[in-house]
Structure formats: C-alpha cells, structure tokens
PDB file of all heavy atoms in Angstrom:
ATOM      1  N   LEU A   1       0.846  -1.159  -0.045  1.00  0.00           N
ATOM      2  CA  LEU A   1       0.020  -0.021  -0.029  1.00  0.00           C
ATOM      3  C   LEU A   1       0.850   1.303   0.008  1.00  0.00           C
ATOM      4  O   LEU A   1       1.941   1.244   0.664  1.00  0.00           O
ATOM      5  CB  LEU A   1      -0.907   0.088   1.197  1.00  0.00           C
ATOM      6  CG  LEU A   1      -2.187  -0.822   1.203  1.00  0.00           C
ATOM      7  CD1 LEU A   1      -2.798  -0.872   2.612  1.00  0.00           C
ATOM      8  CD2 LEU A   1      -3.182  -0.316   0.212  1.00  0.00           C
ATOM      9  N   TYR A   2       0.450   2.233  -0.727  1.00  0.00           N
ATOM     10  CA  TYR A   2       1.195   3.489  -0.621  1.00  0.00           C
ATOM     11  C   TYR A   2       0.614   4.316   0.587  1.00  0.00           C
ATOM     12  O   TYR A   2      -0.485   4.226   0.912  1.00  0.00           O
ATOM     13  CB  TYR A   2       0.963   4.340  -1.917  1.00  0.00           C
ATOM     14  CG  TYR A   2       1.666   3.890  -3.123  1.00  0.00           C
ATOM     15  CD1 TYR A   2       1.118   3.919  -4.391  1.00  0.00           C
ATOM     16  CD2 TYR A   2       2.998   3.367  -2.985  1.00  0.00           C
ATOM     17  CE1 TYR A   2       1.901   3.440  -5.456  1.00  0.00           C
ATOM     18  CE2 TYR A   2       3.698   2.861  -4.028  1.00  0.00           C
ATOM     19  CZ  TYR A   2       3.151   2.909  -5.337  1.00  0.00           C
ATOM     20  OH  TYR A   2       3.804   2.568  -6.418  1.00  0.00           O
ATOM     21  N   TYR A   3       1.569   5.074   1.167  1.00  0.00           N
ATOM     22  CA  TYR A   3       1.297   6.077   2.222  1.00  0.00           C
ATOM     23  C   TYR A   3       1.017   5.373   3.561  1.00  0.00           C
ATOM     24  O   TYR A   3       0.427   4.273   3.648  1.00  0.00           O
ATOM     25  CB  TYR A   3       0.115   6.941   1.872  1.00  0.00           C
ATOM     26  CG  TYR A   3       0.208   7.562   0.454  1.00  0.00           C
ATOM     27  CD1 TYR A   3      -0.761   7.193  -0.474  1.00  0.00           C
ATOM     28  CD2 TYR A   3       1.246   8.393   0.161  1.00  0.00           C
ATOM     29  CE1 TYR A   3      -0.625   7.725  -1.707  1.00  0.00           C
ATOM     30  CE2 TYR A   3       1.348   8.972  -1.128  1.00  0.00           C
ATOM     31  CZ  TYR A   3       0.377   8.629  -2.070  1.00  0.00           C
ATOM     32  OH  TYR A   3       0.481   9.124  -3.355  1.00  0.00           O
ATOM     33  N   ARG A   4       1.465   6.031   4.644  1.00  0.00           N
ATOM     34  CA  ARG A   4       1.178   5.534   5.955  1.00  0.00           C
ATOM     35  C   ARG A   4      -0.287   5.465   6.279  1.00  0.00           C
ATOM     36  O   ARG A   4      -0.861   4.526   6.959  1.00  0.00           O
ATOM     37  CB  ARG A   4       1.868   6.412   7.062  1.00  0.00           C
ATOM     38  CG  ARG A   4       3.373   6.389   7.083  1.00  0.00           C
ATOM     39  CD  ARG A   4       3.900   7.150   8.262  1.00  0.00           C
ATOM     40  NE  ARG A   4       5.355   7.220   8.246  1.00  0.00           N
ATOM     41  CZ  ARG A   4       6.090   8.223   7.665  1.00  0.00           C
ATOM     42  NH1 ARG A   4       5.441   9.243   7.130  1.00  0.00           N
ATOM     43  NH2 ARG A   4       7.388   8.155   7.689  1.00  0.00           N
ATOM     44  N   GLU A   5      -1.028   6.465   5.816  1.00  0.00           N
ATOM     45  CA  GLU A   5      -2.546   6.462   5.782  1.00  0.00           C
ATOM     46  C   GLU A   5      -3.015   6.221   4.449  1.00  0.00           C
ATOM     47  O   GLU A   5      -3.113   7.101   3.549  1.00  0.00           O
ATOM     48  CB  GLU A   5      -3.006   7.800   6.324  1.00  0.00           C
ATOM     49  CG  GLU A   5      -4.568   7.847   6.483  1.00  0.00           C
ATOM     50  CD  GLU A   5      -5.034   6.854   7.462  1.00  0.00           C
ATOM     51  OE1 GLU A   5      -4.479   6.504   8.393  1.00  0.00           O
ATOM     52  OE2 GLU A   5      -6.201   6.393   7.248  1.00  0.00           O
ATOM     53  N   PRO A   6      -3.331   4.917   4.104  1.00  0.00           N
ATOM     54  CA  PRO A   6      -3.643   4.576   2.706  1.00  0.00           C
ATOM     55  C   PRO A   6      -4.875   5.365   2.216  1.00  0.00           C
ATOM     56  O   PRO A   6      -5.741   5.729   2.998  1.00  0.00           O
ATOM     57  CB  PRO A   6      -4.033   3.089   2.846  1.00  0.00           C
ATOM     58  CG  PRO A   6      -3.283   2.578   4.080  1.00  0.00           C
ATOM     59  CD  PRO A   6      -3.410   3.752   4.991  1.00  0.00           C
ATOM     60  N   VAL A   7      -4.864   5.631   0.963  1.00  0.00           N
ATOM     61  CA  VAL A   7      -5.962   6.315   0.268  1.00  0.00           C
ATOM     62  C   VAL A   7      -6.909   5.239  -0.245  1.00  0.00           C
ATOM     63  O   VAL A   7      -6.503   4.244  -0.841  1.00  0.00           O
ATOM     64  CB  VAL A   7      -5.392   7.199  -0.903  1.00  0.00           C
ATOM     65  CG1 VAL A   7      -6.638   7.884  -1.533  1.00  0.00           C
ATOM     66  CG2 VAL A   7      -4.459   8.213  -0.383  1.00  0.00           C
ATOM     67  N   MET A   8      -8.198   5.500  -0.002  1.00  0.00           N
ATOM     68  CA  MET A   8      -9.228   4.551  -0.481  1.00  0.00           C
ATOM     69  C   MET A   8     -10.036   5.265  -1.573  1.00  0.00           C
ATOM     70  O   MET A   8     -10.737   6.217  -1.352  1.00  0.00           O
ATOM     71  CB  MET A   8     -10.113   4.206   0.674  1.00  0.00           C
ATOM     72  CG  MET A   8     -11.305   3.245   0.273  1.00  0.00           C
ATOM     73  SD  MET A   8     -12.137   2.593   1.749  1.00  0.00           S
ATOM     74  CE  MET A   8     -13.646   2.063   1.048  1.00  0.00           C
ATOM     75  N   LEU A   9      -9.879   4.786  -2.839  1.00  0.00           N
ATOM     76  CA  LEU A   9     -10.469   5.400  -3.975  1.00  0.00           C
ATOM     77  C   LEU A   9     -11.740   4.576  -4.378  1.00  0.00           C
ATOM     78  O   LEU A   9     -11.608   3.412  -4.533  1.00  0.00           O
ATOM     79  CB  LEU A   9      -9.519   5.465  -5.085  1.00  0.00           C
ATOM     80  CG  LEU A   9      -8.147   6.269  -4.820  1.00  0.00           C
ATOM     81  CD1 LEU A   9      -7.237   6.203  -6.076  1.00  0.00           C
ATOM     82  CD2 LEU A   9      -8.491   7.655  -4.451  1.00  0.00           C
ATOM     83  N   VAL A  10     -12.826   5.303  -4.510  1.00  0.00           N
ATOM     84  CA  VAL A  10     -14.062   4.656  -4.787  1.00  0.00           C
ATOM     85  C   VAL A  10     -14.785   5.080  -6.039  1.00  0.00           C
ATOM     86  O   VAL A  10     -15.740   4.539  -6.513  1.00  0.00           O
ATOM     87  CB  VAL A  10     -15.079   4.766  -3.627  1.00  0.00           C
ATOM     88  CG1 VAL A  10     -14.451   4.115  -2.328  1.00  0.00           C
ATOM     89  CG2 VAL A  10     -15.402   6.255  -3.350  1.00  0.00           C
ATOM     90  N   GLU A  11     -14.241   6.127  -6.694  1.00  0.00           N
ATOM     91  CA  GLU A  11     -14.869   6.610  -7.913  1.00  0.00           C
ATOM     92  C   GLU A  11     -13.799   7.371  -8.771  1.00  0.00           C
ATOM     93  O   GLU A  11     -12.893   7.966  -8.153  1.00  0.00           O
ATOM     94  CB  GLU A  11     -15.991   7.605  -7.577  1.00  0.00           C
ATOM     95  CG  GLU A  11     -16.720   8.112  -8.803  1.00  0.00           C
ATOM     96  CD  GLU A  11     -17.836   9.079  -8.457  1.00  0.00           C
ATOM     97  OE1 GLU A  11     -18.042   9.487  -7.282  1.00  0.00           O
ATOM     98  OE2 GLU A  11     -18.560   9.544  -9.415  1.00  0.00           O
ATOM     99  N   GLY A  12     -13.950   7.220 -10.047  1.00  0.00           N
ATOM    100  CA  GLY A  12     -13.018   7.921 -10.926  1.00  0.00           C
ATOM    101  C   GLY A  12     -13.703   8.431 -12.156  1.00  0.00           C
ATOM    102  O   GLY A  12     -14.638   7.775 -12.657  1.00  0.00           O
ATOM    103  N   LYS A  13     -13.388   9.572 -12.626  1.00  0.00           N
ATOM    104  CA  LYS A  13     -13.989  10.164 -13.836  1.00  0.00           C
ATOM    105  C   LYS A  13     -12.866  11.018 -14.550  1.00  0.00           C
ATOM    106  O   LYS A  13     -12.460  12.046 -13.948  1.00  0.00           O
ATOM    107  CB  LYS A  13     -15.236  10.993 -13.549  1.00  0.00           C
ATOM    108  CG  LYS A  13     -15.883  11.485 -14.832  1.00  0.00           C
ATOM    109  CD  LYS A  13     -17.204  12.112 -14.548  1.00  0.00           C
ATOM    110  CE  LYS A  13     -17.945  12.559 -15.804  1.00  0.00           C
ATOM    111  NZ  LYS A  13     -19.246  13.276 -15.546  1.00  0.00           N
ATOM    112  N   MET A  14     -12.451  10.554 -15.668  1.00  0.00           N
ATOM    113  CA  MET A  14     -11.411  11.283 -16.430  1.00  0.00           C
ATOM    114  C   MET A  14     -10.135  11.436 -15.575  1.00  0.00           C
ATOM    115  O   MET A  14      -9.641  10.527 -15.133  1.00  0.00           O
ATOM    116  CB  MET A  14     -11.911  12.616 -17.074  1.00  0.00           C
ATOM    117  CG  MET A  14     -13.103  12.309 -18.021  1.00  0.00           C
ATOM    118  SD  MET A  14     -12.755  11.123 -19.413  1.00  0.00           S
ATOM    119  CE  MET A  14     -11.585  12.106 -20.318  1.00  0.00           C
ATOM    120  N   GLN A  15      -9.674  12.654 -15.350  1.00  0.00           N
ATOM    121  CA  GLN A  15      -8.486  12.967 -14.661  1.00  0.00           C
ATOM    122  C   GLN A  15      -8.632  13.003 -13.138  1.00  0.00           C
ATOM    123  O   GLN A  15      -7.639  13.207 -12.377  1.00  0.00           O
ATOM    124  CB  GLN A  15      -7.839  14.246 -15.081  1.00  0.00           C
ATOM    125  CG  GLN A  15      -8.530  15.487 -14.602  1.00  0.00           C
ATOM    126  CD  GLN A  15      -9.500  16.031 -15.667  1.00  0.00           C
ATOM    127  OE1 GLN A  15     -10.211  15.209 -16.275  1.00  0.00           O
ATOM    128  NE2 GLN A  15      -9.578  17.308 -15.896  1.00  0.00           N
ATOM    129  N   TYR A  16      -9.789  12.781 -12.606  1.00  0.00           N
ATOM    130  CA  TYR A  16     -10.076  12.929 -11.186  1.00  0.00           C
ATOM    131  C   TYR A  16     -10.513  11.565 -10.579  1.00  0.00           C
ATOM    132  O   TYR A  16     -11.151  10.713 -11.239  1.00  0.00           O
ATOM    133  CB  TYR A  16     -11.199  13.954 -10.942  1.00  0.00           C
ATOM    134  CG  TYR A  16     -10.890  15.324 -11.348  1.00  0.00           C
ATOM    135  CD1 TYR A  16     -11.506  15.919 -12.432  1.00  0.00           C
ATOM    136  CD2 TYR A  16      -9.827  16.093 -10.689  1.00  0.00           C
ATOM    137  CE1 TYR A  16     -11.210  17.205 -12.828  1.00  0.00           C
ATOM    138  CE2 TYR A  16      -9.534  17.346 -11.105  1.00  0.00           C
ATOM    139  CZ  TYR A  16     -10.202  17.881 -12.179  1.00  0.00           C
ATOM    140  OH  TYR A  16      -9.898  19.247 -12.589  1.00  0.00           O
ATOM    141  N   VAL A  17     -10.199  11.385  -9.292  1.00  0.00           N
ATOM    142  CA  VAL A  17     -10.637  10.288  -8.480  1.00  0.00           C
ATOM    143  C   VAL A  17     -11.168  10.819  -7.113  1.00  0.00           C
ATOM    144  O   VAL A  17     -10.708  11.942  -6.706  1.00  0.00           O
ATOM    145  CB  VAL A  17      -9.516   9.238  -8.226  1.00  0.00           C
ATOM    146  CG1 VAL A  17      -9.293   8.505  -9.546  1.00  0.00           C
ATOM    147  CG2 VAL A  17      -8.283   9.853  -7.615  1.00  0.00           C
ATOM    148  N   TRP A  18     -11.989  10.067  -6.452  1.00  0.00           N
ATOM    149  CA  TRP A  18     -12.621  10.501  -5.162  1.00  0.00           C
ATOM    150  C   TRP A  18     -12.453   9.389  -4.197  1.00  0.00           C
ATOM    151  O   TRP A  18     -12.478   8.161  -4.521  1.00  0.00           O
ATOM    152  CB  TRP A  18     -14.140  10.764  -5.414  1.00  0.00           C
ATOM    153  CG  TRP A  18     -14.486  12.041  -6.085  1.00  0.00           C
ATOM    154  CD1 TRP A  18     -14.801  13.276  -5.523  1.00  0.00           C
ATOM    155  CD2 TRP A  18     -14.490  12.272  -7.521  1.00  0.00           C
ATOM    156  NE1 TRP A  18     -15.110  14.194  -6.492  1.00  0.00           N
ATOM    157  CE2 TRP A  18     -14.870  13.603  -7.727  1.00  0.00           C
ATOM    158  CE3 TRP A  18     -14.269  11.456  -8.651  1.00  0.00           C
ATOM    159  CZ2 TRP A  18     -15.035  14.093  -9.096  1.00  0.00           C
ATOM    160  CZ3 TRP A  18     -14.413  11.986  -9.929  1.00  0.00           C
ATOM    161  CH2 TRP A  18     -14.762  13.298 -10.057  1.00  0.00           C
ATOM    162  N   ASP A  19     -12.174   9.821  -2.923  1.00  0.00           N
ATOM    163  CA  ASP A  19     -12.119   8.891  -1.876  1.00  0.00           C
ATOM    164  C   ASP A  19     -13.493   8.664  -1.200  1.00  0.00           C
ATOM    165  O   ASP A  19     -14.490   9.307  -1.646  1.00  0.00           O
ATOM    166  CB  ASP A  19     -11.061   9.172  -0.836  1.00  0.00           C
ATOM    167  CG  ASP A  19     -11.310  10.449  -0.019  1.00  0.00           C
ATOM    168  OD1 ASP A  19     -12.510  10.894  -0.025  1.00  0.00           O
ATOM    169  OD2 ASP A  19     -10.403  10.954   0.602  1.00  0.00           O
ATOM    170  N   GLU A  20     -13.583   7.862  -0.196  1.00  0.00           N
ATOM    171  CA  GLU A  20     -14.803   7.525   0.444  1.00  0.00           C
ATOM    172  C   GLU A  20     -15.510   8.674   1.094  1.00  0.00           C
ATOM    173  O   GLU A  20     -16.726   8.714   1.361  1.00  0.00           O
ATOM    174  CB  GLU A  20     -14.641   6.300   1.405  1.00  0.00           C
ATOM    175  CG  GLU A  20     -14.120   6.669   2.776  1.00  0.00           C
ATOM    176  CD  GLU A  20     -12.635   6.982   2.751  1.00  0.00           C
ATOM    177  OE1 GLU A  20     -11.990   6.894   1.636  1.00  0.00           O
ATOM    178  OE2 GLU A  20     -12.060   7.293   3.855  1.00  0.00           O
ATOM    179  N   THR A  21     -14.705   9.758   1.435  1.00  0.00           N
ATOM    180  CA  THR A  21     -15.303  10.926   2.071  1.00  0.00           C
ATOM    181  C   THR A  21     -15.806  11.930   1.071  1.00  0.00           C
ATOM    182  O   THR A  21     -16.351  12.959   1.460  1.00  0.00           O
ATOM    183  CB  THR A  21     -14.252  11.621   2.977  1.00  0.00           C
ATOM    184  OG1 THR A  21     -13.211  12.202   2.138  1.00  0.00           O
ATOM    185  CG2 THR A  21     -13.614  10.590   3.906  1.00  0.00           C
ATOM    186  N   GLY A  22     -15.591  11.639  -0.227  1.00  0.00           N
ATOM    187  CA  GLY A  22     -15.928  12.598  -1.227  1.00  0.00           C
ATOM    188  C   GLY A  22     -14.889  13.595  -1.655  1.00  0.00           C
ATOM    189  O   GLY A  22     -15.067  14.444  -2.480  1.00  0.00           O
ATOM    190  N   LYS A  23     -13.656  13.448  -1.034  1.00  0.00           N
ATOM    191  CA  LYS A  23     -12.531  14.291  -1.382  1.00  0.00           C
ATOM    192  C   LYS A  23     -12.062  13.985  -2.754  1.00  0.00           C
ATOM    193  O   LYS A  23     -11.846  12.823  -3.090  1.00  0.00           O
ATOM    194  CB  LYS A  23     -11.400  14.176  -0.378  1.00  0.00           C
ATOM    195  CG  LYS A  23     -10.224  15.086  -0.597  1.00  0.00           C
ATOM    196  CD  LYS A  23      -9.177  14.887   0.439  1.00  0.00           C
ATOM    197  CE  LYS A  23      -7.980  15.842   0.324  1.00  0.00           C
ATOM    198  NZ  LYS A  23      -7.021  15.696   1.383  1.00  0.00           N
ATOM    199  N   ARG A  24     -11.869  15.069  -3.569  1.00  0.00           N
ATOM    200  CA  ARG A  24     -11.409  14.844  -4.965  1.00  0.00           C
ATOM    201  C   ARG A  24      -9.947  14.972  -5.097  1.00  0.00           C
ATOM    202  O   ARG A  24      -9.262  15.930  -4.533  1.00  0.00           O
ATOM    203  CB  ARG A  24     -12.166  15.846  -5.901  1.00  0.00           C
ATOM    204  CG  ARG A  24     -11.878  15.572  -7.395  1.00  0.00           C
ATOM    205  CD  ARG A  24     -12.593  16.608  -8.242  1.00  0.00           C
ATOM    206  NE  ARG A  24     -11.914  17.924  -8.231  1.00  0.00           N
ATOM    207  CZ  ARG A  24     -12.150  18.926  -8.939  1.00  0.00           C
ATOM    208  NH1 ARG A  24     -13.164  18.886  -9.772  1.00  0.00           N
ATOM    209  NH2 ARG A  24     -11.514  20.095  -8.826  1.00  0.00           N
ATOM    210  N   TYR A  25      -9.282  14.154  -5.926  1.00  0.00           N
ATOM    211  CA  TYR A  25      -7.851  14.195  -6.181  1.00  0.00           C
ATOM    212  C   TYR A  25      -7.613  14.351  -7.710  1.00  0.00           C
ATOM    213  O   TYR A  25      -8.343  13.757  -8.488  1.00  0.00           O
ATOM    214  CB  TYR A  25      -7.186  12.954  -5.762  1.00  0.00           C
ATOM    215  CG  TYR A  25      -7.270  12.672  -4.260  1.00  0.00           C
ATOM    216  CD1 TYR A  25      -8.391  12.074  -3.796  1.00  0.00           C
ATOM    217  CD2 TYR A  25      -6.264  12.910  -3.395  1.00  0.00           C
ATOM    218  CE1 TYR A  25      -8.505  11.724  -2.391  1.00  0.00           C
ATOM    219  CE2 TYR A  25      -6.325  12.616  -2.013  1.00  0.00           C
ATOM    220  CZ  TYR A  25      -7.469  12.018  -1.569  1.00  0.00           C
ATOM    221  OH  TYR A  25      -7.606  11.690  -0.208  1.00  0.00           O
ATOM    222  N   LEU A  26      -6.633  15.099  -8.076  1.00  0.00           N
ATOM    223  CA  LEU A  26      -6.125  15.081  -9.506  1.00  0.00           C
ATOM    224  C   LEU A  26      -5.240  13.922  -9.610  1.00  0.00           C
ATOM    225  O   LEU A  26      -4.201  13.874  -8.900  1.00  0.00           O
ATOM    226  CB  LEU A  26      -5.413  16.452  -9.792  1.00  0.00           C
ATOM    227  CG  LEU A  26      -4.765  16.445 -11.170  1.00  0.00           C
ATOM    228  CD1 LEU A  26      -5.805  16.427 -12.346  1.00  0.00           C
ATOM    229  CD2 LEU A  26      -3.939  17.775 -11.352  1.00  0.00           C
ATOM    230  N   ASP A  27      -5.528  12.977 -10.482  1.00  0.00           N
ATOM    231  CA  ASP A  27      -4.685  11.731 -10.583  1.00  0.00           C
ATOM    232  C   ASP A  27      -3.528  12.011 -11.615  1.00  0.00           C
ATOM    233  O   ASP A  27      -3.706  11.990 -12.790  1.00  0.00           O
ATOM    234  CB  ASP A  27      -5.627  10.629 -11.198  1.00  0.00           C
ATOM    235  CG  ASP A  27      -4.911   9.274 -11.206  1.00  0.00           C
ATOM    236  OD1 ASP A  27      -3.715   9.314 -10.740  1.00  0.00           O
ATOM    237  OD2 ASP A  27      -5.555   8.310 -11.636  1.00  0.00           O
ATOM    238  N   CYS A  28      -2.395  12.211 -10.969  1.00  0.00           N
ATOM    239  CA  CYS A  28      -1.196  12.393 -11.741  1.00  0.00           C
ATOM    240  C   CYS A  28      -0.443  11.069 -11.871  1.00  0.00           C
ATOM    241  O   CYS A  28       0.678  11.002 -12.476  1.00  0.00           O
ATOM    242  CB  CYS A  28      -0.232  13.366 -11.098  1.00  0.00           C
ATOM    243  SG  CYS A  28      -0.881  15.020 -11.124  1.00  0.00           S
ATOM    244  N   PHE A  29      -0.990   9.950 -11.394  1.00  0.00           N
ATOM    245  CA  PHE A  29      -0.358   8.691 -11.388  1.00  0.00           C
ATOM    246  C   PHE A  29      -1.007   7.718 -12.437  1.00  0.00           C
ATOM    247  O   PHE A  29      -0.324   6.822 -12.955  1.00  0.00           O
ATOM    248  CB  PHE A  29      -0.462   8.098 -10.010  1.00  0.00           C
ATOM    249  CG  PHE A  29       0.638   7.095  -9.674  1.00  0.00           C
ATOM    250  CD1 PHE A  29       1.937   7.302 -10.001  1.00  0.00           C
ATOM    251  CD2 PHE A  29       0.206   5.851  -9.110  1.00  0.00           C
ATOM    252  CE1 PHE A  29       2.902   6.341  -9.695  1.00  0.00           C
ATOM    253  CE2 PHE A  29       1.136   4.867  -8.788  1.00  0.00           C
ATOM    254  CZ  PHE A  29       2.510   5.160  -9.112  1.00  0.00           C
ATOM    255  N   GLY A  30      -2.254   7.880 -12.652  1.00  0.00           N
ATOM    256  CA  GLY A  30      -2.974   7.069 -13.616  1.00  0.00           C
ATOM    257  C   GLY A  30      -2.948   5.604 -13.407  1.00  0.00           C
ATOM    258  O   GLY A  30      -2.922   4.748 -14.321  1.00  0.00           O
ATOM    259  N   GLY A  31      -3.002   5.200 -12.131  1.00  0.00           N
ATOM    260  CA  GLY A  31      -2.961   3.766 -11.834  1.00  0.00           C
ATOM    261  C   GLY A  31      -1.750   3.106 -12.419  1.00  0.00           C
ATOM    262  O   GLY A  31      -1.785   2.057 -12.986  1.00  0.00           O
ATOM    263  N   ILE A  32      -0.530   3.756 -12.215  1.00  0.00           N
ATOM    264  CA  ILE A  32       0.728   3.281 -12.796  1.00  0.00           C
ATOM    265  C   ILE A  32       0.561   3.269 -14.299  1.00  0.00           C
ATOM    266  O   ILE A  32       0.770   2.293 -15.003  1.00  0.00           O
ATOM    267  CB  ILE A  32       1.178   1.900 -12.330  1.00  0.00           C
ATOM    268  CG1 ILE A  32       0.930   1.802 -10.809  1.00  0.00           C
ATOM    269  CG2 ILE A  32       2.693   1.749 -12.631  1.00  0.00           C
ATOM    270  CD1 ILE A  32       1.375   0.464 -10.222  1.00  0.00           C
ATOM    271  N   VAL A  33       0.135   4.377 -14.867  1.00  0.00           N
ATOM    272  CA  VAL A  33      -0.027   4.691 -16.311  1.00  0.00           C
ATOM    273  C   VAL A  33      -0.971   3.797 -17.029  1.00  0.00           C
ATOM    274  O   VAL A  33      -0.939   3.706 -18.276  1.00  0.00           O
ATOM    275  CB  VAL A  33       1.360   4.694 -17.012  1.00  0.00           C
ATOM    276  CG1 VAL A  33       2.328   5.672 -16.346  1.00  0.00           C
ATOM    277  CG2 VAL A  33       2.007   3.350 -17.201  1.00  0.00           C
ATOM    278  N   THR A  34      -1.858   3.061 -16.345  1.00  0.00           N
ATOM    279  CA  THR A  34      -2.768   2.223 -17.036  1.00  0.00           C
ATOM    280  C   THR A  34      -3.966   2.972 -17.587  1.00  0.00           C
ATOM    281  O   THR A  34      -4.527   2.607 -18.623  1.00  0.00           O
ATOM    282  CB  THR A  34      -3.280   1.081 -16.069  1.00  0.00           C
ATOM    283  OG1 THR A  34      -3.971   1.731 -14.939  1.00  0.00           O
ATOM    284  CG2 THR A  34      -2.163   0.244 -15.553  1.00  0.00           C
ATOM    285  N   VAL A  35      -4.308   4.048 -16.968  1.00  0.00           N
ATOM    286  CA  VAL A  35      -5.563   4.809 -17.336  1.00  0.00           C
ATOM    287  C   VAL A  35      -5.135   5.859 -18.377  1.00  0.00           C
ATOM    288  O   VAL A  35      -4.869   7.027 -18.035  1.00  0.00           O
ATOM    289  CB  VAL A  35      -6.280   5.395 -16.130  1.00  0.00           C
ATOM    290  CG1 VAL A  35      -7.568   6.023 -16.557  1.00  0.00           C
ATOM    291  CG2 VAL A  35      -6.488   4.343 -15.102  1.00  0.00           C
ATOM    292  N   SER A  36      -4.912   5.480 -19.592  1.00  0.00           N
ATOM    293  CA  SER A  36      -4.232   6.294 -20.517  1.00  0.00           C
ATOM    294  C   SER A  36      -5.154   7.383 -21.165  1.00  0.00           C
ATOM    295  O   SER A  36      -4.671   8.402 -21.640  1.00  0.00           O
ATOM    296  CB  SER A  36      -3.729   5.465 -21.691  1.00  0.00           C
ATOM    297  OG  SER A  36      -4.654   4.539 -22.211  1.00  0.00           O
ATOM    298  N   VAL A  37      -6.518   7.197 -21.052  1.00  0.00           N
ATOM    299  CA  VAL A  37      -7.354   8.244 -21.686  1.00  0.00           C
ATOM    300  C   VAL A  37      -8.376   8.759 -20.622  1.00  0.00           C
ATOM    301  O   VAL A  37      -9.337   9.432 -20.985  1.00  0.00           O
ATOM    302  CB  VAL A  37      -8.097   7.698 -22.903  1.00  0.00           C
ATOM    303  CG1 VAL A  37      -7.128   7.344 -23.976  1.00  0.00           C
ATOM    304  CG2 VAL A  37      -9.009   6.553 -22.601  1.00  0.00           C
ATOM    305  N   GLY A  38      -8.131   8.470 -19.310  1.00  0.00           N
ATOM    306  CA  GLY A  38      -9.008   8.993 -18.302  1.00  0.00           C
ATOM    307  C   GLY A  38      -9.909   7.865 -17.689  1.00  0.00           C
ATOM    308  O   GLY A  38     -10.327   6.982 -18.365  1.00  0.00           O
ATOM    309  N   HIS A  39     -10.190   7.994 -16.419  1.00  0.00           N
ATOM    310  CA  HIS A  39     -11.028   7.041 -15.716  1.00  0.00           C
ATOM    311  C   HIS A  39     -12.456   7.082 -16.337  1.00  0.00           C
ATOM    312  O   HIS A  39     -13.087   8.194 -16.525  1.00  0.00           O
ATOM    313  CB  HIS A  39     -11.144   7.449 -14.220  1.00  0.00           C
ATOM    314  CG  HIS A  39      -9.903   7.271 -13.449  1.00  0.00           C
ATOM    315  ND1 HIS A  39      -9.472   6.010 -12.920  1.00  0.00           N
ATOM    316  CD2 HIS A  39      -8.834   8.159 -13.110  1.00  0.00           C
ATOM    317  CE1 HIS A  39      -8.283   6.217 -12.353  1.00  0.00           C
ATOM    318  NE2 HIS A  39      -7.900   7.387 -12.454  1.00  0.00           N
ATOM    319  N   CYS A  40     -12.986   5.884 -16.583  1.00  0.00           N
ATOM    320  CA  CYS A  40     -14.334   5.745 -17.048  1.00  0.00           C
ATOM    321  C   CYS A  40     -14.650   6.661 -18.230  1.00  0.00           C
ATOM    322  O   CYS A  40     -15.760   7.305 -18.256  1.00  0.00           O
ATOM    323  CB  CYS A  40     -15.313   5.989 -15.856  1.00  0.00           C
ATOM    324  SG  CYS A  40     -15.066   4.893 -14.444  1.00  0.00           S
ATOM    325  N   HIS A  41     -13.774   6.709 -19.136  1.00  0.00           N
ATOM    326  CA  HIS A  41     -13.997   7.602 -20.341  1.00  0.00           C
ATOM    327  C   HIS A  41     -15.291   7.060 -20.970  1.00  0.00           C
ATOM    328  O   HIS A  41     -15.418   5.914 -21.265  1.00  0.00           O
ATOM    329  CB  HIS A  41     -12.825   7.429 -21.363  1.00  0.00           C
ATOM    330  CG  HIS A  41     -12.883   8.380 -22.483  1.00  0.00           C
ATOM    331  ND1 HIS A  41     -13.796   8.310 -23.504  1.00  0.00           N
ATOM    332  CD2 HIS A  41     -12.087   9.502 -22.776  1.00  0.00           C
ATOM    333  CE1 HIS A  41     -13.662   9.318 -24.390  1.00  0.00           C
ATOM    334  NE2 HIS A  41     -12.613  10.032 -23.946  1.00  0.00           N
ATOM    335  N   PRO A  42     -16.257   7.994 -21.254  1.00  0.00           N
ATOM    336  CA  PRO A  42     -17.583   7.548 -21.680  1.00  0.00           C
ATOM    337  C   PRO A  42     -17.507   6.794 -22.975  1.00  0.00           C
ATOM    338  O   PRO A  42     -18.398   5.865 -23.161  1.00  0.00           O
ATOM    339  CB  PRO A  42     -18.363   8.881 -21.839  1.00  0.00           C
ATOM    340  CG  PRO A  42     -17.270   9.944 -21.834  1.00  0.00           C
ATOM    341  CD  PRO A  42     -16.152   9.463 -21.054  1.00  0.00           C
ATOM    342  N   ARG A  43     -16.622   7.093 -23.873  1.00  0.00           N
ATOM    343  CA  ARG A  43     -16.560   6.374 -25.120  1.00  0.00           C
ATOM    344  C   ARG A  43     -16.103   4.925 -24.933  1.00  0.00           C
ATOM    345  O   ARG A  43     -16.595   3.975 -25.596  1.00  0.00           O
ATOM    346  CB  ARG A  43     -15.672   7.121 -26.140  1.00  0.00           C
ATOM    347  CG  ARG A  43     -15.641   6.497 -27.496  1.00  0.00           C
ATOM    348  CD  ARG A  43     -14.960   7.471 -28.486  1.00  0.00           C
ATOM    349  NE  ARG A  43     -14.681   6.887 -29.813  1.00  0.00           N
ATOM    350  CZ  ARG A  43     -14.065   7.440 -30.762  1.00  0.00           C
ATOM    351  NH1 ARG A  43     -13.617   8.669 -30.634  1.00  0.00           N
ATOM    352  NH2 ARG A  43     -13.848   6.791 -31.915  1.00  0.00           N
TER     353      ARG A  43
END
C-alpha cells in the first residue's frame, strides 16, 4: 500500500478520483499509467 495512511479510492472520472469521504484528487499517477485516456472515459 502507498502512504502511511492509505488512500481509499471509490470513484473515478477522467483525470479525477474521489475517496470515500468525497474528497477529490487530481490523478497524476494514472494507476501506474494504465488509465491512458481517463477514468471511465464515456466512449
């Protein structure tokens, strides 16, 4: 796990992800570059 206090991600949309509290993060990591065109890209 990354970080002493692990991050719990429950939602993603394009360049953003959200944790269980609703806090939004800008994803500069892309799931180790796997999310190449954005989380849950509608197309």
